[in-house]
Amino acid sequence: MKSRDDGEAPTDRPRLIVTVSGLAGSGTSTTAEVISSNLEIDVLSVGETFRREAERRGMSLEEFGEYASKDPEVDRRIDERQAEIASDADNLVVEGRLAGWMVDADLKVWLKAPLEVRAKRVAARENQTVREAEGDIRRREECERERYGEFYGIDISDLSAYHLVIDTSRWEPGGVASLVETGINLI
C-alpha cells in the first residue's frame, strides 16, 4: 500500500474495510472521520444510525438502549445492515461498538480510554457535567453489555476480535488516526 505521505489515495489494494470500535467517548467517530478523510474512503457510523433512530422515536440514547434491550430486532437490523453494507463496499471505514465482531474487515481497531477521559469528552459533546456524562456512560454500558451478551453471546470486554487496540487518552485524534493508518499500511 502506498504511503499517505505522497498525497495520493491508496491504489494497490483492491479492497479495504476497516472497523473502528470502542466505548462511548473513546474517539471512534472522530478517528473514523479522520481516517475516512485521509484515505478518501467512505465511513459508515453505526452509532450515528442508532442516534438517528433514537431521535426519530423521540427517545434519548439511554431510553432507546432500554427499548432495544426489550426488542432484539432493533440491534439485529442495525448490525446486519452494517455487515451487508461493508460486504458490498470496495473501501469503507465502519465505526460502531460491535463493528469488529459483525464485519469482515482487513483491520479491526478497538479504541479505549479511562472512564474519566471518556466522560469529559461526552460531557463536552452532549453539554453535560462530567458527573452526568459518567453516570450516563455507566448505565449505557451496562445495558449494552447485557444486550450484546444476551443477543449475540459477545462479551464486550473480550478484545480478541481486534487486530489493534489503542489508548486514545495518549494521543490527539490525528495521532490515533496515524497509528491506525500505520496498521493499514502493514496489512
N, C-alpha and C. Protein backbone atom coordinates (compact mmCIF):
# COMPACT_ATOMS: atom_id res chain seq x y z
N MET A 1 0.85 -1.17 0.00
CA MET A 1 0.00 0.00 0.00
C MET A 1 0.89 1.23 0.00
N LYS A 2 0.52 2.25 -0.75
CA LYS A 2 1.30 3.47 -0.81
C LYS A 2 1.21 4.22 0.51
N SER A 3 2.26 4.91 0.81
CA SER A 3 2.26 5.77 1.98
C SER A 3 1.40 6.99 1.69
N ARG A 4 0.73 7.49 2.70
CA ARG A 4 -0.10 8.68 2.53
C ARG A 4 0.76 9.92 2.40
N ASP A 5 2.06 9.83 2.62
CA ASP A 5 2.94 10.99 2.52
C ASP A 5 2.99 11.54 1.10
N ASP A 6 2.68 10.71 0.10
CA ASP A 6 2.74 11.18 -1.27
C ASP A 6 1.46 11.91 -1.70
N GLY A 7 0.48 11.99 -0.78
CA GLY A 7 -0.74 12.73 -1.07
C GLY A 7 -1.74 11.99 -1.92
N GLU A 8 -1.43 10.76 -2.31
CA GLU A 8 -2.35 10.00 -3.14
C GLU A 8 -3.11 8.98 -2.31
N ALA A 9 -4.33 8.68 -2.74
CA ALA A 9 -5.12 7.63 -2.09
C ALA A 9 -4.49 6.28 -2.38
N PRO A 10 -4.59 5.34 -1.44
CA PRO A 10 -4.01 4.02 -1.68
C PRO A 10 -4.69 3.35 -2.88
N THR A 11 -3.86 2.85 -3.82
CA THR A 11 -4.43 2.28 -5.04
C THR A 11 -4.02 0.84 -5.29
N ASP A 12 -3.03 0.34 -4.57
CA ASP A 12 -2.55 -1.00 -4.88
C ASP A 12 -3.29 -2.08 -4.09
N ARG A 13 -4.33 -1.73 -3.41
CA ARG A 13 -5.14 -2.68 -2.65
C ARG A 13 -6.54 -2.66 -3.26
N PRO A 14 -7.05 -3.80 -3.72
CA PRO A 14 -8.35 -3.80 -4.40
C PRO A 14 -9.52 -3.48 -3.46
N ARG A 15 -9.37 -3.77 -2.17
CA ARG A 15 -10.48 -3.57 -1.24
C ARG A 15 -9.90 -3.31 0.14
N LEU A 16 -10.47 -2.34 0.87
CA LEU A 16 -10.02 -2.05 2.22
C LEU A 16 -11.23 -1.79 3.10
N ILE A 17 -11.44 -2.65 4.07
CA ILE A 17 -12.50 -2.48 5.05
C ILE A 17 -11.82 -2.40 6.42
N VAL A 18 -12.09 -1.32 7.14
CA VAL A 18 -11.53 -1.09 8.47
C VAL A 18 -12.69 -0.87 9.43
N THR A 19 -12.65 -1.52 10.59
CA THR A 19 -13.64 -1.23 11.62
C THR A 19 -12.95 -0.46 12.74
N VAL A 20 -13.70 0.48 13.33
CA VAL A 20 -13.23 1.26 14.46
C VAL A 20 -14.30 1.15 15.53
N SER A 21 -13.94 0.51 16.64
CA SER A 21 -14.89 0.25 17.72
C SER A 21 -14.31 0.77 19.04
N GLY A 22 -15.21 0.95 20.00
CA GLY A 22 -14.80 1.38 21.34
C GLY A 22 -16.00 1.83 22.12
N LEU A 23 -15.82 2.06 23.40
CA LEU A 23 -16.90 2.51 24.26
C LEU A 23 -17.17 4.00 24.05
N ALA A 24 -18.28 4.48 24.55
CA ALA A 24 -18.67 5.89 24.41
C ALA A 24 -17.55 6.81 24.88
N GLY A 25 -17.21 7.78 24.03
CA GLY A 25 -16.20 8.76 24.38
C GLY A 25 -14.77 8.32 24.12
N SER A 26 -14.59 7.15 23.53
CA SER A 26 -13.23 6.66 23.28
C SER A 26 -12.62 7.27 22.01
N GLY A 27 -13.43 7.91 21.19
CA GLY A 27 -12.91 8.58 20.00
C GLY A 27 -13.19 7.87 18.69
N THR A 28 -14.14 6.95 18.68
CA THR A 28 -14.38 6.17 17.46
C THR A 28 -14.88 7.04 16.31
N SER A 29 -15.82 7.92 16.57
CA SER A 29 -16.37 8.75 15.49
C SER A 29 -15.31 9.67 14.91
N THR A 30 -14.57 10.33 15.78
CA THR A 30 -13.52 11.24 15.33
C THR A 30 -12.46 10.50 14.54
N THR A 31 -12.00 9.37 15.07
CA THR A 31 -10.96 8.60 14.40
C THR A 31 -11.44 8.10 13.04
N ALA A 32 -12.66 7.58 12.99
CA ALA A 32 -13.20 7.09 11.72
C ALA A 32 -13.28 8.21 10.69
N GLU A 33 -13.70 9.40 11.11
CA GLU A 33 -13.80 10.53 10.18
C GLU A 33 -12.43 10.96 9.67
N VAL A 34 -11.43 10.99 10.55
CA VAL A 34 -10.09 11.38 10.13
C VAL A 34 -9.53 10.37 9.14
N ILE A 35 -9.68 9.08 9.44
CA ILE A 35 -9.19 8.03 8.54
C ILE A 35 -9.91 8.13 7.20
N SER A 36 -11.22 8.30 7.25
CA SER A 36 -12.02 8.42 6.04
C SER A 36 -11.52 9.58 5.17
N SER A 37 -11.28 10.71 5.80
CA SER A 37 -10.81 11.88 5.08
C SER A 37 -9.40 11.66 4.52
N ASN A 38 -8.50 11.15 5.36
CA ASN A 38 -7.12 10.93 4.93
C ASN A 38 -7.00 9.94 3.79
N LEU A 39 -7.80 8.87 3.84
CA LEU A 39 -7.72 7.83 2.82
C LEU A 39 -8.71 8.02 1.68
N GLU A 40 -9.55 9.05 1.82
CA GLU A 40 -10.57 9.36 0.81
C GLU A 40 -11.48 8.16 0.55
N ILE A 41 -11.97 7.58 1.65
CA ILE A 41 -12.95 6.49 1.56
C ILE A 41 -14.13 6.82 2.46
N ASP A 42 -15.25 6.19 2.20
CA ASP A 42 -16.47 6.46 2.96
C ASP A 42 -16.40 5.90 4.37
N VAL A 43 -17.23 6.48 5.23
CA VAL A 43 -17.36 5.99 6.60
C VAL A 43 -18.83 5.66 6.85
N LEU A 44 -19.07 4.57 7.52
CA LEU A 44 -20.41 4.19 7.96
C LEU A 44 -20.39 4.22 9.48
N SER A 45 -21.21 5.10 10.06
CA SER A 45 -21.27 5.23 11.51
C SER A 45 -22.50 4.52 12.04
N VAL A 46 -22.29 3.37 12.66
CA VAL A 46 -23.39 2.62 13.24
C VAL A 46 -23.95 3.38 14.43
N GLY A 47 -23.07 4.04 15.19
CA GLY A 47 -23.51 4.85 16.32
C GLY A 47 -24.44 5.97 15.89
N GLU A 48 -24.11 6.59 14.76
CA GLU A 48 -24.97 7.66 14.24
C GLU A 48 -26.31 7.10 13.79
N THR A 49 -26.31 5.93 13.22
CA THR A 49 -27.57 5.27 12.83
C THR A 49 -28.42 5.04 14.08
N PHE A 50 -27.80 4.57 15.15
CA PHE A 50 -28.50 4.33 16.41
C PHE A 50 -29.05 5.65 16.97
N ARG A 51 -28.23 6.72 16.93
CA ARG A 51 -28.68 8.04 17.41
C ARG A 51 -29.87 8.55 16.61
N ARG A 52 -29.78 8.43 15.28
CA ARG A 52 -30.89 8.91 14.42
C ARG A 52 -32.17 8.14 14.70
N GLU A 53 -32.04 6.84 14.92
CA GLU A 53 -33.22 6.03 15.22
C GLU A 53 -33.83 6.43 16.56
N ALA A 54 -32.99 6.71 17.55
CA ALA A 54 -33.49 7.17 18.86
C ALA A 54 -34.22 8.50 18.68
N GLU A 55 -33.61 9.41 17.93
CA GLU A 55 -34.21 10.73 17.70
C GLU A 55 -35.53 10.59 16.95
N ARG A 56 -35.55 9.73 15.95
CA ARG A 56 -36.77 9.52 15.17
C ARG A 56 -37.92 9.07 16.05
N ARG A 57 -37.59 8.31 17.08
CA ARG A 57 -38.61 7.80 18.01
C ARG A 57 -38.84 8.73 19.19
N GLY A 58 -38.13 9.87 19.22
CA GLY A 58 -38.30 10.83 20.30
C GLY A 58 -37.73 10.33 21.62
N MET A 59 -36.65 9.55 21.57
CA MET A 59 -36.04 8.96 22.77
C MET A 59 -34.61 9.44 22.92
N SER A 60 -34.15 9.45 24.17
CA SER A 60 -32.73 9.68 24.43
C SER A 60 -32.00 8.39 24.05
N LEU A 61 -30.67 8.47 23.98
CA LEU A 61 -29.89 7.26 23.70
C LEU A 61 -30.11 6.21 24.78
N GLU A 62 -30.17 6.66 26.03
CA GLU A 62 -30.40 5.73 27.14
C GLU A 62 -31.77 5.07 27.03
N GLU A 63 -32.79 5.86 26.72
CA GLU A 63 -34.15 5.31 26.57
C GLU A 63 -34.21 4.34 25.39
N PHE A 64 -33.57 4.71 24.29
CA PHE A 64 -33.59 3.84 23.12
C PHE A 64 -32.82 2.55 23.40
N GLY A 65 -31.74 2.66 24.17
CA GLY A 65 -30.99 1.46 24.56
C GLY A 65 -31.86 0.52 25.39
N GLU A 66 -32.63 1.08 26.31
CA GLU A 66 -33.55 0.26 27.12
C GLU A 66 -34.62 -0.38 26.22
N TYR A 67 -35.13 0.40 25.27
CA TYR A 67 -36.12 -0.12 24.33
C TYR A 67 -35.51 -1.28 23.52
N ALA A 68 -34.27 -1.07 23.04
CA ALA A 68 -33.60 -2.10 22.25
C ALA A 68 -33.35 -3.36 23.08
N SER A 69 -33.16 -3.19 24.39
CA SER A 69 -32.91 -4.37 25.24
C SER A 69 -34.15 -5.25 25.34
N LYS A 70 -35.33 -4.68 25.07
CA LYS A 70 -36.58 -5.44 25.11
C LYS A 70 -36.96 -5.98 23.73
N ASP A 71 -36.36 -5.42 22.68
CA ASP A 71 -36.66 -5.84 21.32
C ASP A 71 -35.36 -6.12 20.57
N PRO A 72 -34.90 -7.37 20.58
CA PRO A 72 -33.62 -7.70 19.95
C PRO A 72 -33.54 -7.36 18.46
N GLU A 73 -34.67 -7.23 17.81
CA GLU A 73 -34.68 -6.93 16.38
C GLU A 73 -34.11 -5.55 16.08
N VAL A 74 -34.20 -4.62 17.03
CA VAL A 74 -33.65 -3.28 16.82
C VAL A 74 -32.15 -3.40 16.54
N ASP A 75 -31.42 -4.03 17.45
CA ASP A 75 -29.98 -4.21 17.26
C ASP A 75 -29.67 -5.08 16.06
N ARG A 76 -30.39 -6.17 15.91
CA ARG A 76 -30.11 -7.09 14.80
C ARG A 76 -30.23 -6.41 13.45
N ARG A 77 -31.28 -5.60 13.28
CA ARG A 77 -31.45 -4.90 11.99
C ARG A 77 -30.28 -3.96 11.72
N ILE A 78 -29.87 -3.19 12.74
CA ILE A 78 -28.77 -2.25 12.57
C ILE A 78 -27.46 -3.00 12.31
N ASP A 79 -27.21 -4.05 13.09
CA ASP A 79 -25.96 -4.80 12.96
C ASP A 79 -25.88 -5.58 11.66
N GLU A 80 -26.98 -6.18 11.23
CA GLU A 80 -27.00 -6.90 9.96
C GLU A 80 -26.79 -5.94 8.79
N ARG A 81 -27.37 -4.76 8.91
CA ARG A 81 -27.24 -3.77 7.83
C ARG A 81 -25.79 -3.32 7.67
N GLN A 82 -25.07 -3.11 8.80
CA GLN A 82 -23.68 -2.70 8.68
C GLN A 82 -22.85 -3.79 8.00
N ALA A 83 -23.10 -5.04 8.32
CA ALA A 83 -22.37 -6.14 7.69
C ALA A 83 -22.67 -6.21 6.20
N GLU A 84 -23.92 -6.00 5.81
CA GLU A 84 -24.30 -6.01 4.39
C GLU A 84 -23.61 -4.89 3.63
N ILE A 85 -23.66 -3.68 4.18
CA ILE A 85 -23.05 -2.53 3.51
C ILE A 85 -21.55 -2.77 3.34
N ALA A 86 -20.90 -3.25 4.39
CA ALA A 86 -19.45 -3.49 4.33
C ALA A 86 -19.11 -4.58 3.31
N SER A 87 -19.92 -5.61 3.23
CA SER A 87 -19.61 -6.70 2.30
C SER A 87 -19.75 -6.26 0.84
N ASP A 88 -20.58 -5.24 0.60
CA ASP A 88 -20.77 -4.74 -0.76
C ASP A 88 -19.81 -3.61 -1.12
N ALA A 89 -19.08 -3.09 -0.13
CA ALA A 89 -18.22 -1.92 -0.36
C ALA A 89 -16.84 -2.34 -0.87
N ASP A 90 -16.24 -1.45 -1.63
CA ASP A 90 -14.86 -1.66 -2.05
C ASP A 90 -13.90 -1.15 -0.97
N ASN A 91 -14.19 0.01 -0.43
CA ASN A 91 -13.37 0.64 0.60
C ASN A 91 -14.32 1.32 1.58
N LEU A 92 -14.11 1.05 2.87
CA LEU A 92 -15.04 1.60 3.86
C LEU A 92 -14.43 1.56 5.24
N VAL A 93 -14.72 2.58 6.02
CA VAL A 93 -14.43 2.58 7.45
C VAL A 93 -15.77 2.42 8.14
N VAL A 94 -15.91 1.38 8.97
CA VAL A 94 -17.16 1.14 9.70
C VAL A 94 -16.90 1.45 11.16
N GLU A 95 -17.63 2.42 11.69
CA GLU A 95 -17.49 2.83 13.08
C GLU A 95 -18.70 2.34 13.85
N GLY A 96 -18.48 1.54 14.86
CA GLY A 96 -19.58 1.05 15.68
C GLY A 96 -19.07 0.15 16.79
N ARG A 97 -19.82 0.12 17.88
CA ARG A 97 -19.43 -0.62 19.07
C ARG A 97 -19.10 -2.08 18.76
N LEU A 98 -19.91 -2.74 17.93
CA LEU A 98 -19.72 -4.16 17.61
C LEU A 98 -19.17 -4.39 16.21
N ALA A 99 -18.74 -3.35 15.54
CA ALA A 99 -18.30 -3.49 14.15
C ALA A 99 -17.21 -4.55 14.00
N GLY A 100 -16.29 -4.59 14.94
CA GLY A 100 -15.21 -5.58 14.87
C GLY A 100 -15.70 -7.01 14.97
N TRP A 101 -16.84 -7.20 15.60
CA TRP A 101 -17.43 -8.54 15.72
C TRP A 101 -18.35 -8.87 14.55
N MET A 102 -18.95 -7.84 13.94
CA MET A 102 -20.00 -8.05 12.94
C MET A 102 -19.54 -7.95 11.50
N VAL A 103 -18.41 -7.30 11.26
CA VAL A 103 -17.98 -7.00 9.90
C VAL A 103 -16.69 -7.76 9.58
N ASP A 104 -16.65 -8.36 8.40
CA ASP A 104 -15.43 -9.00 7.90
C ASP A 104 -14.53 -7.87 7.40
N ALA A 105 -13.46 -7.59 8.15
CA ALA A 105 -12.63 -6.43 7.84
C ALA A 105 -11.16 -6.82 7.74
N ASP A 106 -10.41 -5.99 7.00
CA ASP A 106 -8.98 -6.17 6.86
C ASP A 106 -8.24 -5.76 8.13
N LEU A 107 -8.77 -4.74 8.80
CA LEU A 107 -8.18 -4.27 10.05
C LEU A 107 -9.31 -3.91 11.01
N LYS A 108 -9.26 -4.50 12.20
CA LYS A 108 -10.27 -4.25 13.23
C LYS A 108 -9.57 -3.55 14.40
N VAL A 109 -10.05 -2.34 14.70
CA VAL A 109 -9.42 -1.49 15.71
C VAL A 109 -10.36 -1.27 16.88
N TRP A 110 -9.83 -1.38 18.10
CA TRP A 110 -10.57 -1.06 19.32
C TRP A 110 -9.88 0.15 19.95
N LEU A 111 -10.67 1.19 20.23
CA LEU A 111 -10.15 2.36 20.91
C LEU A 111 -10.61 2.34 22.35
N LYS A 112 -9.69 2.68 23.26
CA LYS A 112 -10.04 2.69 24.66
C LYS A 112 -9.49 3.96 25.30
N ALA A 113 -10.07 4.31 26.44
CA ALA A 113 -9.61 5.43 27.25
C ALA A 113 -10.23 5.25 28.63
N PRO A 114 -9.58 5.77 29.67
CA PRO A 114 -10.17 5.68 31.01
C PRO A 114 -11.54 6.37 31.05
N LEU A 115 -12.40 5.89 31.94
CA LEU A 115 -13.76 6.43 32.06
C LEU A 115 -13.75 7.94 32.26
N GLU A 116 -12.84 8.45 33.11
CA GLU A 116 -12.85 9.89 33.36
C GLU A 116 -12.55 10.70 32.11
N VAL A 117 -11.67 10.20 31.25
CA VAL A 117 -11.36 10.88 29.99
C VAL A 117 -12.57 10.82 29.06
N ARG A 118 -13.16 9.64 28.97
CA ARG A 118 -14.34 9.48 28.10
C ARG A 118 -15.49 10.34 28.58
N ALA A 119 -15.68 10.43 29.89
CA ALA A 119 -16.78 11.25 30.45
C ALA A 119 -16.57 12.72 30.12
N LYS A 120 -15.34 13.20 30.18
CA LYS A 120 -15.06 14.61 29.82
C LYS A 120 -15.41 14.86 28.36
N ARG A 121 -15.05 13.92 27.50
CA ARG A 121 -15.35 14.08 26.07
C ARG A 121 -16.85 14.09 25.82
N VAL A 122 -17.55 13.14 26.43
CA VAL A 122 -19.00 13.05 26.24
C VAL A 122 -19.68 14.28 26.82
N ALA A 123 -19.24 14.74 27.98
CA ALA A 123 -19.83 15.92 28.62
C ALA A 123 -19.72 17.13 27.70
N ALA A 124 -18.56 17.32 27.09
CA ALA A 124 -18.37 18.44 26.17
C ALA A 124 -19.27 18.32 24.95
N ARG A 125 -19.39 17.12 24.44
CA ARG A 125 -20.20 16.87 23.24
C ARG A 125 -21.69 17.01 23.50
N GLU A 126 -22.13 16.54 24.67
CA GLU A 126 -23.56 16.49 24.99
C GLU A 126 -24.02 17.64 25.89
N ASN A 127 -23.11 18.59 26.17
CA ASN A 127 -23.43 19.73 27.03
C ASN A 127 -23.94 19.27 28.40
N GLN A 128 -23.18 18.40 29.04
CA GLN A 128 -23.50 17.85 30.35
C GLN A 128 -22.35 18.15 31.31
N THR A 129 -22.59 17.89 32.58
CA THR A 129 -21.48 17.90 33.52
C THR A 129 -20.75 16.56 33.34
N VAL A 130 -19.51 16.52 33.78
CA VAL A 130 -18.74 15.29 33.69
C VAL A 130 -19.41 14.20 34.52
N ARG A 131 -19.93 14.58 35.66
CA ARG A 131 -20.61 13.60 36.53
C ARG A 131 -21.85 13.00 35.85
N GLU A 132 -22.64 13.87 35.19
CA GLU A 132 -23.81 13.37 34.46
C GLU A 132 -23.38 12.43 33.33
N ALA A 133 -22.35 12.84 32.61
CA ALA A 133 -21.87 12.02 31.49
C ALA A 133 -21.37 10.67 32.00
N GLU A 134 -20.65 10.67 33.10
CA GLU A 134 -20.14 9.42 33.66
C GLU A 134 -21.28 8.49 34.04
N GLY A 135 -22.33 9.04 34.67
CA GLY A 135 -23.49 8.22 35.02
C GLY A 135 -24.18 7.66 33.80
N ASP A 136 -24.36 8.50 32.78
CA ASP A 136 -24.99 8.04 31.54
C ASP A 136 -24.16 6.95 30.87
N ILE A 137 -22.84 7.14 30.85
CA ILE A 137 -21.96 6.15 30.24
C ILE A 137 -22.07 4.82 30.97
N ARG A 138 -22.02 4.86 32.29
CA ARG A 138 -22.10 3.62 33.08
C ARG A 138 -23.41 2.87 32.81
N ARG A 139 -24.53 3.61 32.81
CA ARG A 139 -25.83 2.97 32.56
C ARG A 139 -25.91 2.41 31.14
N ARG A 140 -25.45 3.18 30.19
CA ARG A 140 -25.48 2.75 28.79
C ARG A 140 -24.61 1.50 28.58
N GLU A 141 -23.42 1.50 29.17
CA GLU A 141 -22.53 0.36 29.00
C GLU A 141 -23.08 -0.89 29.66
N GLU A 142 -23.74 -0.74 30.79
CA GLU A 142 -24.35 -1.90 31.44
C GLU A 142 -25.47 -2.47 30.56
N CYS A 143 -26.29 -1.58 30.02
CA CYS A 143 -27.37 -2.01 29.13
C CYS A 143 -26.79 -2.71 27.90
N GLU A 144 -25.76 -2.13 27.30
CA GLU A 144 -25.14 -2.73 26.12
C GLU A 144 -24.49 -4.06 26.45
N ARG A 145 -23.81 -4.14 27.58
CA ARG A 145 -23.15 -5.38 27.99
C ARG A 145 -24.19 -6.51 28.08
N GLU A 146 -25.33 -6.20 28.68
CA GLU A 146 -26.40 -7.21 28.80
C GLU A 146 -26.96 -7.58 27.44
N ARG A 147 -27.25 -6.58 26.60
CA ARG A 147 -27.81 -6.85 25.28
C ARG A 147 -26.87 -7.67 24.42
N TYR A 148 -25.62 -7.26 24.35
CA TYR A 148 -24.66 -7.96 23.48
C TYR A 148 -24.44 -9.38 23.94
N GLY A 149 -24.42 -9.58 25.25
CA GLY A 149 -24.26 -10.94 25.77
C GLY A 149 -25.46 -11.80 25.47
N GLU A 150 -26.64 -11.24 25.72
CA GLU A 150 -27.88 -11.99 25.51
C GLU A 150 -28.17 -12.23 24.04
N PHE A 151 -28.05 -11.21 23.21
CA PHE A 151 -28.43 -11.32 21.80
C PHE A 151 -27.39 -12.04 20.95
N TYR A 152 -26.09 -11.82 21.24
CA TYR A 152 -25.04 -12.32 20.37
C TYR A 152 -24.04 -13.24 21.06
N GLY A 153 -24.09 -13.32 22.39
CA GLY A 153 -23.09 -14.08 23.11
C GLY A 153 -21.73 -13.40 23.10
N ILE A 154 -21.72 -12.08 22.95
CA ILE A 154 -20.47 -11.31 22.90
C ILE A 154 -20.23 -10.64 24.25
N ASP A 155 -19.03 -10.83 24.76
CA ASP A 155 -18.57 -10.11 25.94
C ASP A 155 -17.79 -8.91 25.43
N ILE A 156 -18.37 -7.72 25.59
CA ILE A 156 -17.77 -6.50 25.02
C ILE A 156 -16.35 -6.26 25.53
N SER A 157 -16.00 -6.83 26.68
CA SER A 157 -14.64 -6.64 27.21
C SER A 157 -13.63 -7.61 26.58
N ASP A 158 -14.11 -8.56 25.77
CA ASP A 158 -13.25 -9.50 25.07
C ASP A 158 -12.73 -8.82 23.80
N LEU A 159 -11.46 -8.49 23.77
CA LEU A 159 -10.89 -7.76 22.64
C LEU A 159 -10.21 -8.69 21.62
N SER A 160 -10.48 -9.98 21.72
CA SER A 160 -9.81 -10.94 20.83
C SER A 160 -10.18 -10.78 19.36
N ALA A 161 -11.26 -10.10 19.06
CA ALA A 161 -11.66 -9.90 17.66
C ALA A 161 -10.84 -8.80 16.98
N TYR A 162 -10.09 -8.04 17.75
CA TYR A 162 -9.41 -6.85 17.22
C TYR A 162 -7.94 -7.09 16.94
N HIS A 163 -7.46 -6.48 15.86
CA HIS A 163 -6.05 -6.57 15.47
C HIS A 163 -5.21 -5.51 16.18
N LEU A 164 -5.84 -4.39 16.52
CA LEU A 164 -5.11 -3.25 17.06
C LEU A 164 -5.95 -2.62 18.16
N VAL A 165 -5.35 -2.39 19.33
CA VAL A 165 -6.01 -1.73 20.46
C VAL A 165 -5.19 -0.49 20.80
N ILE A 166 -5.87 0.67 20.83
CA ILE A 166 -5.17 1.94 21.05
C ILE A 166 -5.81 2.70 22.21
N ASP A 167 -4.99 3.18 23.13
CA ASP A 167 -5.46 4.03 24.23
C ASP A 167 -5.46 5.47 23.71
N THR A 168 -6.66 6.01 23.43
CA THR A 168 -6.78 7.33 22.83
C THR A 168 -6.52 8.47 23.80
N SER A 169 -6.33 8.16 25.07
CA SER A 169 -6.00 9.23 26.03
C SER A 169 -4.54 9.67 25.87
N ARG A 170 -3.78 8.91 25.13
CA ARG A 170 -2.35 9.19 24.97
C ARG A 170 -2.02 10.07 23.75
N TRP A 171 -2.94 10.17 22.78
CA TRP A 171 -2.67 10.92 21.55
C TRP A 171 -3.86 11.77 21.15
N GLU A 172 -3.58 12.80 20.39
CA GLU A 172 -4.62 13.62 19.77
C GLU A 172 -5.24 12.79 18.63
N PRO A 173 -6.43 13.20 18.14
CA PRO A 173 -7.09 12.42 17.07
C PRO A 173 -6.21 12.13 15.86
N GLY A 174 -5.43 13.09 15.42
CA GLY A 174 -4.55 12.86 14.27
C GLY A 174 -3.51 11.79 14.55
N GLY A 175 -3.01 11.75 15.77
CA GLY A 175 -2.04 10.72 16.15
C GLY A 175 -2.66 9.34 16.19
N VAL A 176 -3.88 9.26 16.71
CA VAL A 176 -4.60 7.98 16.74
C VAL A 176 -4.83 7.50 15.31
N ALA A 177 -5.28 8.40 14.45
CA ALA A 177 -5.51 8.03 13.05
C ALA A 177 -4.21 7.58 12.39
N SER A 178 -3.10 8.23 12.71
CA SER A 178 -1.80 7.83 12.14
C SER A 178 -1.43 6.41 12.56
N LEU A 179 -1.71 6.07 13.81
CA LEU A 179 -1.44 4.70 14.27
C LEU A 179 -2.28 3.70 13.48
N VAL A 180 -3.55 4.02 13.27
CA VAL A 180 -4.42 3.13 12.50
C VAL A 180 -3.92 3.02 11.06
N GLU A 181 -3.56 4.15 10.48
CA GLU A 181 -3.07 4.14 9.10
C GLU A 181 -1.77 3.35 8.98
N THR A 182 -0.93 3.39 10.01
CA THR A 182 0.28 2.56 10.01
C THR A 182 -0.13 1.09 9.99
N GLY A 183 -1.14 0.74 10.79
CA GLY A 183 -1.65 -0.63 10.77
C GLY A 183 -2.16 -1.03 9.39
N ILE A 184 -2.86 -0.12 8.74
CA ILE A 184 -3.35 -0.39 7.38
C ILE A 184 -2.18 -0.63 6.44
N ASN A 185 -1.17 0.19 6.54
CA ASN A 185 0.00 0.06 5.64
C ASN A 185 0.76 -1.22 5.87
N LEU A 186 0.59 -1.84 7.04
CA LEU A 186 1.31 -3.07 7.35
C LEU A 186 0.52 -4.33 6.98
N ILE A 187 -0.68 -4.16 6.52
CA ILE A 187 -1.50 -5.31 6.15
C ILE A 187 -0.90 -5.99 4.93
